[in-house]
Amino acid sequence: MRKHLFPIKHALVYDWTFGEASNLARVAENLAKELFYVLNPEINVLTVTSKTRPTAVIFTIIQRNAHSGELILIQTPEGRYTFTELNRNINIFVGKAGINIKPKNKTELRKGTRKTLISND
């Protein structure tokens, strides 16, 4: 196993609104049915990862008001996805969750520094 200097490869932030799911409990149910581990540490927060190992991507869904919130995607060094692939494949996750997203900004955390990206790949 490779030793990684930094524990975060990518971090992406999205705004989200409820879609097919009408509440956070339903989002949790939808994801649990799709073989995700779902933790609910606060009434308005879900932390989610797939059951595959090693853990490559962790999602935090924060509900800020009755209809929407923020989704934070963190890819560990074990993840094999490029920045572009993460932005494309996030639609699969949100479809399973029953929410809609839009990018909040084009930033990522890489090698311990924050960078605004024009293109990462």
C-alpha atoms as a PDB file:
ATOM      1  CA  MET A   1       0.000   0.000   0.000  1.00  0.00           C
ATOM      2  CA  ARG A   2       1.335   3.419  -0.951  1.00  0.00           C
ATOM      3  CA  LYS A   3       1.884   5.971   1.757  1.00  0.00           C
ATOM      4  CA  HIS A   4       0.332   9.306   0.842  1.00  0.00           C
ATOM      5  CA  LEU A   5       1.651  12.623   2.019  1.00  0.00           C
ATOM      6  CA  PHE A   6      -1.743  14.350   1.943  1.00  0.00           C
ATOM      7  CA  PRO A   7      -5.066  12.719   2.907  1.00  0.00           C
ATOM      8  CA  ILE A   8      -7.213  14.657   0.402  1.00  0.00           C
ATOM      9  CA  LYS A   9      -6.881  14.412  -3.370  1.00  0.00           C
ATOM     10  CA  HIS A  10      -9.937  16.482  -4.385  1.00  0.00           C
ATOM     11  CA  ALA A  11     -12.677  18.373  -2.561  1.00  0.00           C
ATOM     12  CA  LEU A  12     -15.647  19.678  -4.534  1.00  0.00           C
ATOM     13  CA  VAL A  13     -18.599  21.696  -3.262  1.00  0.00           C
ATOM     14  CA  TYR A  14     -22.066  21.817  -4.845  1.00  0.00           C
ATOM     15  CA  ASP A  15     -25.359  23.475  -4.000  1.00  0.00           C
ATOM     16  CA  TRP A  16     -28.248  21.017  -4.002  1.00  0.00           C
ATOM     17  CA  THR A  17     -32.048  21.013  -3.909  1.00  0.00           C
ATOM     18  CA  PHE A  18     -34.469  18.190  -3.281  1.00  0.00           C
ATOM     19  CA  GLY A  19     -35.503  16.351  -6.427  1.00  0.00           C
ATOM     20  CA  GLU A  20     -37.224  12.964  -6.253  1.00  0.00           C
ATOM     21  CA  ALA A  21     -36.470  12.856  -2.534  1.00  0.00           C
ATOM     22  CA  SER A  22     -38.482  15.327  -0.479  1.00  0.00           C
ATOM     23  CA  ASN A  23     -36.469  15.180   2.751  1.00  0.00           C
ATOM     24  CA  LEU A  24     -33.077  14.117   4.086  1.00  0.00           C
ATOM     25  CA  ALA A  25     -34.455  10.875   5.535  1.00  0.00           C
ATOM     26  CA  ARG A  26     -35.566   9.863   2.043  1.00  0.00           C
ATOM     27  CA  VAL A  27     -32.122  10.744   0.643  1.00  0.00           C
ATOM     28  CA  ALA A  28     -30.590   8.438   3.278  1.00  0.00           C
ATOM     29  CA  GLU A  29     -33.034   5.625   2.402  1.00  0.00           C
ATOM     30  CA  ASN A  30     -32.323   5.974  -1.316  1.00  0.00           C
ATOM     31  CA  LEU A  31     -28.565   5.784  -0.808  1.00  0.00           C
ATOM     32  CA  ALA A  32     -28.743   2.878   1.657  1.00  0.00           C
ATOM     33  CA  LYS A  33     -30.709   0.916  -0.977  1.00  0.00           C
ATOM     34  CA  GLU A  34     -27.882   1.600  -3.439  1.00  0.00           C
ATOM     35  CA  LEU A  35     -25.226   0.018  -1.180  1.00  0.00           C
ATOM     36  CA  PHE A  36     -23.854   3.140   0.447  1.00  0.00           C
ATOM     37  CA  TYR A  37     -22.953   3.508   4.111  1.00  0.00           C
ATOM     38  CA  VAL A  38     -24.989   6.408   5.458  1.00  0.00           C
ATOM     39  CA  LEU A  39     -24.385   8.134   8.795  1.00  0.00           C
ATOM     40  CA  ASN A  40     -26.654  10.847  10.175  1.00  0.00           C
ATOM     41  CA  PRO A  41     -24.488  12.671  12.762  1.00  0.00           C
ATOM     42  CA  GLU A  42     -26.867  15.657  12.982  1.00  0.00           C
ATOM     43  CA  ILE A  43     -30.500  16.132  12.021  1.00  0.00           C
ATOM     44  CA  ASN A  44     -29.454  18.148   8.948  1.00  0.00           C
ATOM     45  CA  VAL A  45     -26.290  16.233   7.930  1.00  0.00           C
ATOM     46  CA  LEU A  46     -25.599  12.965   6.110  1.00  0.00           C
ATOM     47  CA  THR A  47     -22.136  11.492   5.649  1.00  0.00           C
ATOM     48  CA  VAL A  48     -21.988   8.875   2.915  1.00  0.00           C
ATOM     49  CA  THR A  49     -19.464   6.533   1.307  1.00  0.00           C
ATOM     50  CA  SER A  50     -19.746   3.451  -0.877  1.00  0.00           C
ATOM     51  CA  LYS A  51     -19.236   0.011   0.579  1.00  0.00           C
ATOM     52  CA  THR A  52     -16.278  -0.635  -1.716  1.00  0.00           C
ATOM     53  CA  ARG A  53     -12.815  -0.707  -0.175  1.00  0.00           C
ATOM     54  CA  PRO A  54     -10.567   1.139   0.078  1.00  0.00           C
ATOM     55  CA  THR A  55     -12.693   4.209   0.721  1.00  0.00           C
ATOM     56  CA  ALA A  56     -12.050   6.547  -2.175  1.00  0.00           C
ATOM     57  CA  VAL A  57     -14.849   9.108  -2.028  1.00  0.00           C
ATOM     58  CA  ILE A  58     -16.755  10.554   0.933  1.00  0.00           C
ATOM     59  CA  PHE A  59     -19.840  12.744   0.571  1.00  0.00           C
ATOM     60  CA  THR A  60     -21.243  15.131   3.175  1.00  0.00           C
ATOM     61  CA  ILE A  61     -24.767  16.406   2.520  1.00  0.00           C
ATOM     62  CA  ILE A  62     -25.747  19.426   4.615  1.00  0.00           C
ATOM     63  CA  GLN A  63     -29.321  20.702   4.597  1.00  0.00           C
ATOM     64  CA  ARG A  64     -29.249  24.491   5.096  1.00  0.00           C
ATOM     65  CA  ASN A  65     -32.992  25.210   4.740  1.00  0.00           C
ATOM     66  CA  ALA A  66     -36.256  23.386   4.003  1.00  0.00           C
ATOM     67  CA  HIS A  67     -35.431  22.826   0.331  1.00  0.00           C
ATOM     68  CA  SER A  68     -31.675  22.848  -0.203  1.00  0.00           C
ATOM     69  CA  GLY A  69     -28.129  22.825   1.089  1.00  0.00           C
ATOM     70  CA  GLU A  70     -24.569  21.935   0.221  1.00  0.00           C
ATOM     71  CA  LEU A  71     -22.931  18.713  -0.924  1.00  0.00           C
ATOM     72  CA  ILE A  72     -19.227  18.255  -0.263  1.00  0.00           C
ATOM     73  CA  LEU A  73     -17.365  15.509  -2.130  1.00  0.00           C
ATOM     74  CA  ILE A  74     -13.944  14.509  -0.806  1.00  0.00           C
ATOM     75  CA  GLN A  75     -11.749  12.090  -2.705  1.00  0.00           C
ATOM     76  CA  THR A  76      -8.998  10.374  -0.758  1.00  0.00           C
ATOM     77  CA  PRO A  77      -5.634   9.524  -2.340  1.00  0.00           C
ATOM     78  CA  GLU A  78      -7.056   6.027  -2.935  1.00  0.00           C
ATOM     79  CA  GLY A  79      -9.490   7.502  -5.467  1.00  0.00           C
ATOM     80  CA  ARG A  80      -8.648   7.032  -9.119  1.00  0.00           C
ATOM     81  CA  TYR A  81     -10.881   9.740 -10.557  1.00  0.00           C
ATOM     82  CA  THR A  82      -9.699  12.949 -12.187  1.00  0.00           C
ATOM     83  CA  PHE A  83     -11.321  16.257 -11.313  1.00  0.00           C
ATOM     84  CA  THR A  84     -13.245  16.133 -14.608  1.00  0.00           C
ATOM     85  CA  GLU A  85     -14.440  12.569 -13.978  1.00  0.00           C
ATOM     86  CA  LEU A  86     -15.668  13.479 -10.486  1.00  0.00           C
ATOM     87  CA  ASN A  87     -17.674  16.394 -11.877  1.00  0.00           C
ATOM     88  CA  ARG A  88     -19.188  14.113 -14.522  1.00  0.00           C
ATOM     89  CA  ASN A  89     -19.839  11.091 -12.277  1.00  0.00           C
ATOM     90  CA  ILE A  90     -21.398  13.072  -9.413  1.00  0.00           C
ATOM     91  CA  ASN A  91     -24.620  12.974 -11.453  1.00  0.00           C
ATOM     92  CA  ILE A  92     -24.876   9.217 -10.868  1.00  0.00           C
ATOM     93  CA  PHE A  93     -24.663   9.741  -7.097  1.00  0.00           C
ATOM     94  CA  VAL A  94     -27.214  12.561  -6.970  1.00  0.00           C
ATOM     95  CA  GLY A  95     -29.582  10.595  -9.190  1.00  0.00           C
ATOM     96  CA  LYS A  96     -29.488   7.723  -6.704  1.00  0.00           C
ATOM     97  CA  ALA A  97     -29.870  10.164  -3.792  1.00  0.00           C
ATOM     98  CA  GLY A  98     -32.865  11.952  -5.336  1.00  0.00           C
ATOM     99  CA  ILE A  99     -31.382  15.460  -5.271  1.00  0.00           C
ATOM    100  CA  ASN A 100     -30.353  18.009  -7.900  1.00  0.00           C
ATOM    101  CA  ILE A 101     -27.012  19.840  -7.879  1.00  0.00           C
ATOM    102  CA  LYS A 102     -25.141  22.723  -9.403  1.00  0.00           C
ATOM    103  CA  PRO A 103     -21.445  23.496  -8.895  1.00  0.00           C
ATOM    104  CA  LYS A 104     -20.818  26.080  -6.209  1.00  0.00           C
ATOM    105  CA  ASN A 105     -17.401  27.009  -7.582  1.00  0.00           C
ATOM    106  CA  LYS A 106     -14.464  25.452  -9.367  1.00  0.00           C
ATOM    107  CA  THR A 107     -12.110  24.900  -6.483  1.00  0.00           C
ATOM    108  CA  GLU A 108     -10.423  21.881  -5.061  1.00  0.00           C
ATOM    109  CA  LEU A 109      -8.034  21.037  -2.305  1.00  0.00           C
ATOM    110  CA  ARG A 110      -4.962  19.335  -3.641  1.00  0.00           C
ATOM    111  CA  LYS A 111      -1.722  18.606  -1.858  1.00  0.00           C
ATOM    112  CA  GLY A 112      -2.803  20.724   1.083  1.00  0.00           C
ATOM    113  CA  THR A 113      -3.396  23.929  -0.871  1.00  0.00           C
ATOM    114  CA  ARG A 114      -6.514  25.533  -2.302  1.00  0.00           C
ATOM    115  CA  LYS A 115      -6.433  26.150  -6.026  1.00  0.00           C
ATOM    116  CA  THR A 116      -9.009  27.684  -8.332  1.00  0.00           C
ATOM    117  CA  LEU A 117      -9.102  25.544 -11.423  1.00  0.00           C
ATOM    118  CA  ILE A 118      -9.453  26.354 -15.055  1.00  0.00           C
ATOM    119  CA  SER A 119      -8.472  22.805 -15.914  1.00  0.00           C
ATOM    120  CA  ASN A 120      -6.943  20.168 -13.673  1.00  0.00           C
ATOM    121  CA  ASP A 121      -6.407  17.458 -16.238  1.00  0.00           C
END
